[in-house]
Each structure stands twice: as C-alpha cells, then as structure tokens.
Amino acid sequence: MLAIVSTRATLDPPATDDVVYPSSDCQPMYDNTRQFEWIVTLKENIDAIRPDDFVAGDLLWYPVEGHVEIRVAPDVLVVPGRPKGHRGSYIQHREAACPRRSSSRSSLPATPRRR
C-alpha cells in the first residue's frame, strides 16, 4: 500500500495529549521476498525523486489525534513538505501543519488488508 498523507482530521481530539501511540502493530512487514523487494524499491525510488519530503516504509500512521485505533501501516508512506528523519510512527497532529493534500493508497502484490 502506498499512502500520501492528508493533513486534515475530522474527529474531535481529547483534552490532553497523554495518549500512547504504539510504534508497532505486531504485523509482518511483508509476506514474501518479492513483496519486500517491491517495498524497498518503491521507498528508495520515491525518496530519491522527492528529496524534500518524508518517505518511509511500513511505518504506523496515526491520522487522527487521540484515536489510536485509527491507524494504518502502509508499505510506503509519503508526506509532502515534511522533513526527513527517523520516527517511531507518524503521528500526524504532532507534525507541523501542511497545506491540504490528497490521500492515495494502492496495494502491492500479496498485501493483505490490515486493520
């Protein structure tokens, strides 16, 4: 799955930011060696052509503040306008606001739908 992050969330956030956002969903990153190669190839190539954007592979993305049950770990995650750097997960409300972007997902071969 490829995800391009949208920066708007529509659910009401909790009163405080003491919510724990896990950095692992205990799900496998890939199902076979071909899928692993595609994930790495996509991530590295997108990273090369988008030098000013954050690009990650199999990173948990929390799009709505305070709702840890709303998450996805796309095979490749692209966040236009966000700086590169290491993150345990992408917690959208903790990142600086960016102009509204579209979201897009596409499945790689043998990628099961994850919750």
Protein backbone atom coordinates (compact mmCIF):
# COMPACT_ATOMS: atom_id res chain seq x y z
CA MET A 1 0.00 0.00 0.00
CA LEU A 2 1.24 3.49 -0.85
CA ALA A 3 -0.12 6.39 1.18
CA ILE A 4 0.20 10.10 0.57
CA VAL A 5 -0.80 11.85 3.76
CA SER A 6 -3.64 14.34 4.03
CA THR A 7 -3.21 16.75 6.93
CA ARG A 8 -6.86 17.25 7.92
CA ALA A 9 -8.51 15.21 10.67
CA THR A 10 -12.23 15.50 11.37
CA LEU A 11 -12.74 13.81 14.77
CA ASP A 12 -12.55 15.81 17.98
CA PRO A 13 -9.20 15.40 19.80
CA PRO A 14 -9.01 14.51 23.50
CA ALA A 15 -8.50 17.28 26.06
CA THR A 16 -4.85 16.30 26.69
CA ASP A 17 -2.05 14.73 24.69
CA ASP A 18 -1.23 11.91 27.11
CA VAL A 19 -2.33 9.23 24.62
CA VAL A 20 0.22 6.47 23.90
CA TYR A 21 0.76 5.84 20.18
CA PRO A 22 2.42 2.41 19.73
CA SER A 23 5.24 2.18 17.18
CA SER A 24 4.41 -1.44 16.32
CA ASP A 25 1.23 -3.24 15.29
CA CYS A 26 2.90 -6.69 15.63
CA GLN A 27 2.07 -7.41 11.99
CA PRO A 28 4.67 -8.69 9.50
CA MET A 29 6.22 -6.08 7.23
CA TYR A 30 5.93 -8.26 4.15
CA ASP A 31 4.64 -11.68 3.12
CA ASN A 32 7.39 -12.83 0.78
CA THR A 33 10.73 -11.79 -0.69
CA ARG A 34 9.22 -10.33 -3.87
CA GLN A 35 6.93 -8.07 -1.86
CA PHE A 36 9.88 -6.98 0.32
CA GLU A 37 11.88 -6.08 -2.80
CA TRP A 38 8.95 -4.00 -4.15
CA ILE A 39 8.55 -2.14 -0.85
CA VAL A 40 12.26 -1.29 -0.71
CA THR A 41 12.39 -0.37 -4.41
CA LEU A 42 9.36 1.92 -4.14
CA LYS A 43 10.56 3.58 -0.94
CA GLU A 44 14.09 4.19 -2.21
CA ASN A 45 12.99 5.48 -5.63
CA ILE A 46 10.33 7.81 -4.22
CA ASP A 47 12.87 9.02 -1.66
CA ALA A 48 15.32 9.80 -4.49
CA ILE A 49 12.84 11.84 -6.54
CA ARG A 50 11.23 13.58 -3.51
CA PRO A 51 14.28 14.95 -1.64
CA ASP A 52 12.22 17.47 0.36
CA ASP A 53 9.51 15.06 1.51
CA PHE A 54 9.35 12.48 4.28
CA VAL A 55 9.24 8.95 2.83
CA ALA A 56 9.03 5.79 4.96
CA GLY A 57 8.32 2.09 4.62
CA ASP A 58 5.90 0.18 6.87
CA LEU A 59 5.58 3.00 9.41
CA LEU A 60 2.43 3.27 11.52
CA TRP A 61 0.47 6.41 10.61
CA TYR A 62 -1.96 7.91 13.15
CA PRO A 63 -4.06 10.44 11.20
CA VAL A 64 -6.48 11.45 13.99
CA GLU A 65 -5.38 12.91 17.31
CA GLY A 66 -6.30 10.79 20.34
CA HIS A 67 -7.68 7.87 18.32
CA VAL A 68 -5.01 5.15 18.39
CA GLU A 69 -7.50 2.68 16.90
CA ILE A 70 -7.44 4.71 13.65
CA ARG A 71 -4.10 3.75 12.15
CA VAL A 72 -2.57 2.14 9.12
CA ALA A 73 0.91 0.92 8.26
CA PRO A 74 1.22 1.46 4.50
CA ASP A 75 4.00 -0.30 2.66
CA VAL A 76 5.29 3.13 1.61
CA LEU A 77 4.30 6.43 3.23
CA VAL A 78 4.93 9.81 1.54
CA VAL A 79 4.34 13.07 3.42
CA PRO A 80 4.84 16.10 1.17
CA GLY A 81 6.53 19.04 2.85
CA ARG A 82 7.69 17.22 6.00
CA PRO A 83 11.41 16.89 6.74
CA LYS A 84 13.21 13.60 6.51
CA GLY A 85 14.27 11.97 9.76
CA HIS A 86 13.70 8.98 11.98
CA ARG A 87 10.29 8.47 13.60
CA GLY A 88 8.86 5.58 15.62
CA SER A 89 5.50 6.24 13.95
CA TYR A 90 3.93 9.13 12.04
CA ILE A 91 1.63 10.94 14.50
CA GLN A 92 0.02 13.45 12.23
CA HIS A 93 -1.11 16.05 14.79
CA ARG A 94 2.43 16.29 16.20
CA GLU A 95 3.81 17.25 12.80
CA ALA A 96 3.61 20.88 11.66
CA ALA A 97 0.54 21.73 9.61
CA CYS A 98 0.93 21.49 5.85
CA PRO A 99 -1.46 22.57 3.07
CA ARG A 100 -4.24 20.07 2.39
CA ARG A 101 -3.13 17.15 0.20
CA SER A 102 -4.94 14.18 -1.32
CA SER A 103 -4.62 10.70 0.14
CA SER A 104 -3.91 7.70 -2.03
CA ARG A 105 -3.36 4.01 -1.39
CA SER A 106 -2.53 1.16 -3.70
CA SER A 107 -1.82 -2.49 -2.89
CA LEU A 108 1.38 -4.30 -3.72
CA PRO A 109 1.26 -7.98 -4.76
CA ALA A 110 0.15 -10.29 -1.92
CA THR A 111 -0.59 -7.47 0.51
CA PRO A 112 -3.44 -8.50 2.80
CA ARG A 113 -5.80 -5.81 4.04
CA ARG A 114 -4.67 -4.85 7.56
CA ARG A 115 -6.76 -3.23 10.25
